C-alpha atoms as a PDB file:
ATOM      1  CA  MET A   1     -49.911 -32.509 -84.964  1.00  0.00           C
ATOM      2  CA  SER A   2     -46.699 -34.476 -84.772  1.00  0.00           C
ATOM      3  CA  ILE A   3     -44.874 -33.718 -81.551  1.00  0.00           C
ATOM      4  CA  GLU A   4     -41.664 -35.524 -81.044  1.00  0.00           C
ATOM      5  CA  VAL A   5     -39.802 -35.421 -77.575  1.00  0.00           C
ATOM      6  CA  ALA A   6     -36.290 -36.733 -77.193  1.00  0.00           C
ATOM      7  CA  ASN A   7     -34.803 -36.808 -73.815  1.00  0.00           C
ATOM      8  CA  GLU A   8     -31.077 -36.695 -73.493  1.00  0.00           C
ATOM      9  CA  SER A   9     -30.893 -35.065 -70.034  1.00  0.00           C
ATOM     10  CA  GLY A  10     -30.436 -38.044 -67.871  1.00  0.00           C
ATOM     11  CA  VAL A  11     -33.541 -36.921 -65.831  1.00  0.00           C
ATOM     12  CA  GLU A  12     -36.680 -38.995 -66.038  1.00  0.00           C
ATOM     13  CA  VAL A  13     -39.417 -36.858 -67.526  1.00  0.00           C
ATOM     14  CA  ASP A  14     -43.087 -37.570 -68.545  1.00  0.00           C
ATOM     15  CA  ALA A  15     -42.553 -37.138 -72.149  1.00  0.00           C
ATOM     16  CA  PRO A  16     -46.231 -37.807 -73.073  1.00  0.00           C
ATOM     17  CA  ARG A  17     -47.393 -35.057 -70.594  1.00  0.00           C
ATOM     18  CA  LEU A  18     -44.828 -32.578 -72.271  1.00  0.00           C
ATOM     19  CA  ALA A  19     -46.319 -33.503 -75.729  1.00  0.00           C
ATOM     20  CA  SER A  20     -49.879 -33.161 -74.461  1.00  0.00           C
ATOM     21  CA  ILE A  21     -49.205 -29.524 -73.300  1.00  0.00           C
ATOM     22  CA  ALA A  22     -47.457 -28.574 -76.449  1.00  0.00           C
ATOM     23  CA  ARG A  23     -50.403 -29.950 -78.389  1.00  0.00           C
ATOM     24  CA  PHE A  24     -52.885 -28.071 -76.301  1.00  0.00           C
ATOM     25  CA  VAL A  25     -50.978 -24.780 -76.852  1.00  0.00           C
ATOM     26  CA  LEU A  26     -50.749 -25.335 -80.509  1.00  0.00           C
ATOM     27  CA  ALA A  27     -54.351 -26.198 -80.722  1.00  0.00           C
ATOM     28  CA  SER A  28     -55.478 -23.321 -78.657  1.00  0.00           C
ATOM     29  CA  GLN A  29     -53.432 -20.852 -80.976  1.00  0.00           C
ATOM     30  CA  LYS A  30     -55.064 -22.518 -84.028  1.00  0.00           C
ATOM     31  CA  VAL A  31     -51.828 -23.893 -85.557  1.00  0.00           C
ATOM     32  CA  HIS A  32     -52.501 -25.970 -88.570  1.00  0.00           C
ATOM     33  CA  PRO A  33     -52.772 -29.694 -87.644  1.00  0.00           C
ATOM     34  CA  LEU A  34     -49.949 -30.516 -89.778  1.00  0.00           C
ATOM     35  CA  ALA A  35     -47.339 -28.716 -87.950  1.00  0.00           C
ATOM     36  CA  GLU A  36     -44.528 -30.630 -86.551  1.00  0.00           C
ATOM     37  CA  LEU A  37     -42.710 -29.681 -83.277  1.00  0.00           C
ATOM     38  CA  SER A  38     -39.384 -31.016 -81.558  1.00  0.00           C
ATOM     39  CA  ILE A  39     -38.979 -30.948 -77.769  1.00  0.00           C
ATOM     40  CA  LEU A  40     -35.590 -31.852 -76.726  1.00  0.00           C
ATOM     41  CA  LEU A  41     -34.414 -32.230 -73.137  1.00  0.00           C
ATOM     42  CA  MET A  42     -30.743 -31.618 -72.427  1.00  0.00           C
ATOM     43  CA  ASP A  43     -28.406 -31.778 -69.631  1.00  0.00           C
ATOM     44  CA  GLU A  44     -26.731 -28.692 -68.177  1.00  0.00           C
ATOM     45  CA  PRO A  45     -23.528 -28.691 -70.071  1.00  0.00           C
ATOM     46  CA  SER A  46     -25.199 -29.293 -73.379  1.00  0.00           C
ATOM     47  CA  MET A  47     -27.740 -26.450 -72.502  1.00  0.00           C
ATOM     48  CA  GLU A  48     -25.027 -24.217 -71.556  1.00  0.00           C
ATOM     49  CA  SER A  49     -23.143 -24.909 -75.019  1.00  0.00           C
ATOM     50  CA  LEU A  50     -26.459 -23.714 -76.799  1.00  0.00           C
ATOM     51  CA  HIS A  51     -26.843 -20.740 -74.477  1.00  0.00           C
ATOM     52  CA  VAL A  52     -23.441 -19.449 -75.195  1.00  0.00           C
ATOM     53  CA  LYS A  53     -23.418 -20.204 -78.877  1.00  0.00           C
ATOM     54  CA  TRP A  54     -26.830 -18.796 -79.596  1.00  0.00           C
ATOM     55  CA  MET A  55     -27.443 -16.011 -77.027  1.00  0.00           C
ATOM     56  CA  ASP A  56     -23.866 -15.213 -76.285  1.00  0.00           C
ATOM     57  CA  GLU A  57     -24.869 -15.735 -72.613  1.00  0.00           C
ATOM     58  CA  PRO A  58     -22.752 -17.736 -70.030  1.00  0.00           C
ATOM     59  CA  GLY A  59     -24.274 -20.796 -68.234  1.00  0.00           C
ATOM     60  CA  ALA A  60     -27.138 -22.944 -68.746  1.00  0.00           C
ATOM     61  CA  THR A  61     -30.802 -21.734 -69.086  1.00  0.00           C
ATOM     62  CA  ASP A  62     -34.152 -23.385 -68.473  1.00  0.00           C
ATOM     63  CA  VAL A  63     -35.546 -23.190 -71.995  1.00  0.00           C
ATOM     64  CA  MET A  64     -34.701 -21.913 -75.406  1.00  0.00           C
ATOM     65  CA  ALA A  65     -36.846 -21.974 -78.577  1.00  0.00           C
ATOM     66  CA  PHE A  66     -35.470 -22.278 -82.181  1.00  0.00           C
ATOM     67  CA  PRO A  67     -38.230 -21.423 -84.591  1.00  0.00           C
ATOM     68  CA  MET A  68     -37.931 -22.185 -88.257  1.00  0.00           C
ATOM     69  CA  ASP A  69     -37.392 -19.219 -90.542  1.00  0.00           C
ATOM     70  CA  ASP A  70     -40.076 -17.856 -92.997  1.00  0.00           C
ATOM     71  CA  LEU A  71     -42.845 -20.035 -91.153  1.00  0.00           C
ATOM     72  CA  ASP A  72     -46.676 -19.420 -91.756  1.00  0.00           C
ATOM     73  CA  ILE A  73     -48.478 -20.717 -88.916  1.00  0.00           C
ATOM     74  CA  SER A  74     -51.564 -18.820 -89.605  1.00  0.00           C
ATOM     75  CA  ARG A  75     -53.321 -21.529 -91.920  1.00  0.00           C
ATOM     76  CA  GLY A  76     -56.191 -22.953 -90.107  1.00  0.00           C
ATOM     77  CA  PRO A  77     -57.366 -26.608 -90.230  1.00  0.00           C
ATOM     78  CA  GLY A  78     -59.547 -25.909 -93.218  1.00  0.00           C
ATOM     79  CA  ASP A  79     -57.032 -24.137 -95.290  1.00  0.00           C
ATOM     80  CA  ASP A  80     -55.146 -25.954 -97.937  1.00  0.00           C
ATOM     81  CA  ALA A  81     -56.158 -29.619 -97.421  1.00  0.00           C
ATOM     82  CA  ASP A  82     -53.052 -30.637 -99.493  1.00  0.00           C
ATOM     83  CA  ALA A  83     -50.623 -28.647 -97.503  1.00  0.00           C
ATOM     84  CA  ALA A  84     -47.464 -30.522 -96.385  1.00  0.00           C
ATOM     85  CA  PRO A  85     -46.316 -30.885 -92.746  1.00  0.00           C
ATOM     86  CA  THR A  86     -44.440 -27.831 -91.600  1.00  0.00           C
ATOM     87  CA  LEU A  87     -41.803 -27.983 -88.986  1.00  0.00           C
ATOM     88  CA  LEU A  88     -42.405 -25.277 -86.347  1.00  0.00           C
ATOM     89  CA  GLY A  89     -38.948 -25.696 -84.746  1.00  0.00           C
ATOM     90  CA  ASP A  90     -37.381 -26.812 -81.580  1.00  0.00           C
ATOM     91  CA  VAL A  91     -38.027 -26.312 -77.776  1.00  0.00           C
ATOM     92  CA  VAL A  92     -35.055 -27.248 -75.795  1.00  0.00           C
ATOM     93  CA  ILE A  93     -35.588 -27.705 -71.976  1.00  0.00           C
ATOM     94  CA  CYS A  94     -32.830 -28.446 -69.392  1.00  0.00           C
ATOM     95  CA  PRO A  95     -34.648 -30.375 -66.550  1.00  0.00           C
ATOM     96  CA  GLN A  96     -31.638 -29.947 -64.150  1.00  0.00           C
ATOM     97  CA  PHE A  97     -31.895 -26.183 -64.350  1.00  0.00           C
ATOM     98  CA  ALA A  98     -35.931 -26.550 -64.025  1.00  0.00           C
ATOM     99  CA  ALA A  99     -35.456 -28.535 -60.875  1.00  0.00           C
ATOM    100  CA  ALA A 100     -33.865 -25.691 -59.019  1.00  0.00           C
ATOM    101  CA  GLN A 101     -36.516 -23.205 -60.294  1.00  0.00           C
ATOM    102  CA  ALA A 102     -39.342 -25.508 -59.275  1.00  0.00           C
ATOM    103  CA  THR A 103     -38.061 -25.592 -55.677  1.00  0.00           C
ATOM    104  CA  LYS A 104     -37.883 -21.888 -55.653  1.00  0.00           C
ATOM    105  CA  ALA A 105     -41.398 -21.597 -57.104  1.00  0.00           C
ATOM    106  CA  GLY A 106     -42.737 -24.168 -54.586  1.00  0.00           C
ATOM    107  CA  HIS A 107     -43.948 -26.767 -57.111  1.00  0.00           C
ATOM    108  CA  SER A 108     -43.003 -29.958 -58.821  1.00  0.00           C
ATOM    109  CA  LEU A 109     -40.539 -30.476 -61.483  1.00  0.00           C
ATOM    110  CA  GLU A 110     -43.389 -31.651 -63.849  1.00  0.00           C
ATOM    111  CA  ASP A 111     -45.239 -28.388 -63.212  1.00  0.00           C
ATOM    112  CA  GLU A 112     -42.186 -26.454 -64.067  1.00  0.00           C
ATOM    113  CA  LEU A 113     -41.425 -28.370 -67.236  1.00  0.00           C
ATOM    114  CA  ALA A 114     -45.151 -27.810 -68.178  1.00  0.00           C
ATOM    115  CA  VAL A 115     -44.463 -24.011 -67.780  1.00  0.00           C
ATOM    116  CA  LEU A 116     -41.178 -24.038 -69.754  1.00  0.00           C
ATOM    117  CA  CYS A 117     -42.715 -26.085 -72.507  1.00  0.00           C
ATOM    118  CA  THR A 118     -45.660 -23.809 -72.854  1.00  0.00           C
ATOM    119  CA  HIS A 119     -43.196 -20.957 -72.741  1.00  0.00           C
ATOM    120  CA  GLY A 120     -41.091 -22.147 -75.579  1.00  0.00           C
ATOM    121  CA  VAL A 121     -44.068 -23.206 -77.759  1.00  0.00           C
ATOM    122  CA  LEU A 122     -45.177 -19.491 -77.417  1.00  0.00           C
ATOM    123  CA  HIS A 123     -41.727 -18.291 -78.460  1.00  0.00           C
ATOM    124  CA  LEU A 124     -41.899 -20.524 -81.522  1.00  0.00           C
ATOM    125  CA  LEU A 125     -45.250 -18.736 -82.387  1.00  0.00           C
ATOM    126  CA  GLY A 126     -43.932 -15.494 -82.214  1.00  0.00           C
ATOM    127  CA  TYR A 127     -44.623 -14.344 -78.656  1.00  0.00           C
ATOM    128  CA  ASP A 128     -41.684 -12.496 -76.787  1.00  0.00           C
ATOM    129  CA  HIS A 129     -41.060 -10.891 -73.505  1.00  0.00           C
ATOM    130  CA  ALA A 130     -38.208  -8.360 -74.225  1.00  0.00           C
ATOM    131  CA  GLU A 131     -40.457  -5.465 -73.507  1.00  0.00           C
ATOM    132  CA  PRO A 132     -42.589  -5.176 -70.408  1.00  0.00           C
ATOM    133  CA  GLU A 133     -45.874  -5.025 -72.208  1.00  0.00           C
ATOM    134  CA  ASP A 134     -44.832  -7.893 -74.413  1.00  0.00           C
ATOM    135  CA  GLU A 135     -43.893  -9.856 -71.142  1.00  0.00           C
ATOM    136  CA  LYS A 136     -47.298  -9.193 -69.546  1.00  0.00           C
ATOM    137  CA  VAL A 137     -48.944 -10.695 -72.482  1.00  0.00           C
ATOM    138  CA  MET A 138     -46.955 -13.681 -72.785  1.00  0.00           C
ATOM    139  CA  PHE A 139     -46.905 -14.544 -69.171  1.00  0.00           C
ATOM    140  CA  ALA A 140     -50.585 -14.043 -68.697  1.00  0.00           C
ATOM    141  CA  LEU A 141     -51.274 -16.265 -71.721  1.00  0.00           C
ATOM    142  CA  THR A 142     -48.841 -19.006 -70.353  1.00  0.00           C
ATOM    143  CA  ASP A 143     -50.775 -18.882 -66.998  1.00  0.00           C
ATOM    144  CA  GLU A 144     -54.248 -19.086 -68.806  1.00  0.00           C
ATOM    145  CA  LEU A 145     -53.160 -21.798 -71.151  1.00  0.00           C
ATOM    146  CA  LEU A 146     -51.910 -23.951 -68.344  1.00  0.00           C
ATOM    147  CA  ARG A 147     -54.989 -23.223 -66.227  1.00  0.00           C
ATOM    148  CA  GLN A 148     -57.116 -24.526 -69.067  1.00  0.00           C
ATOM    149  CA  TRP A 149     -54.816 -27.536 -69.823  1.00  0.00           C
ATOM    150  CA  ARG A 150     -55.310 -28.547 -66.286  1.00  0.00           C
ATOM    151  CA  GLY A 151     -58.974 -28.250 -66.526  1.00  0.00           C
ATOM    152  CA  GLN A 152     -59.268 -25.597 -63.750  1.00  0.00           C
ATOM    153  CA  PRO A 153     -62.186 -23.337 -63.886  1.00  0.00           C
ATOM    154  CA  SER A 154     -62.171 -19.727 -64.744  1.00  0.00           C
END
């Protein structure tokens, strides 16, 4: 899987760690290995612009996901050996916004960024949390994936 991380936030971030968690999430969800993903870290003013433009909501936010339309992520590693790479979409994260959330949650910025990256990738894969039941499923999956990625026992 190809995962590109671009940091335009002005905050030092462990890009290989973000790529690692994203790769783990994609593999755990059996996404085709030729899939491509972009992770973009932005500052608060840039994130606010995206949030207003695409969600019609004021202020910055922590993470946004922009999936590609008409994407078929169901193909497994053995399917269609001649398949071309497929762009899943973009996960956009605001480290400044995440830093405040990390403080409230009582963990590090790097841990918060791992949560947000996982959350964003799951959105690209079709998970949502608009309804209470969907929220339970998505947040439980996020917690389980992070636990597995960190190598914690069940």
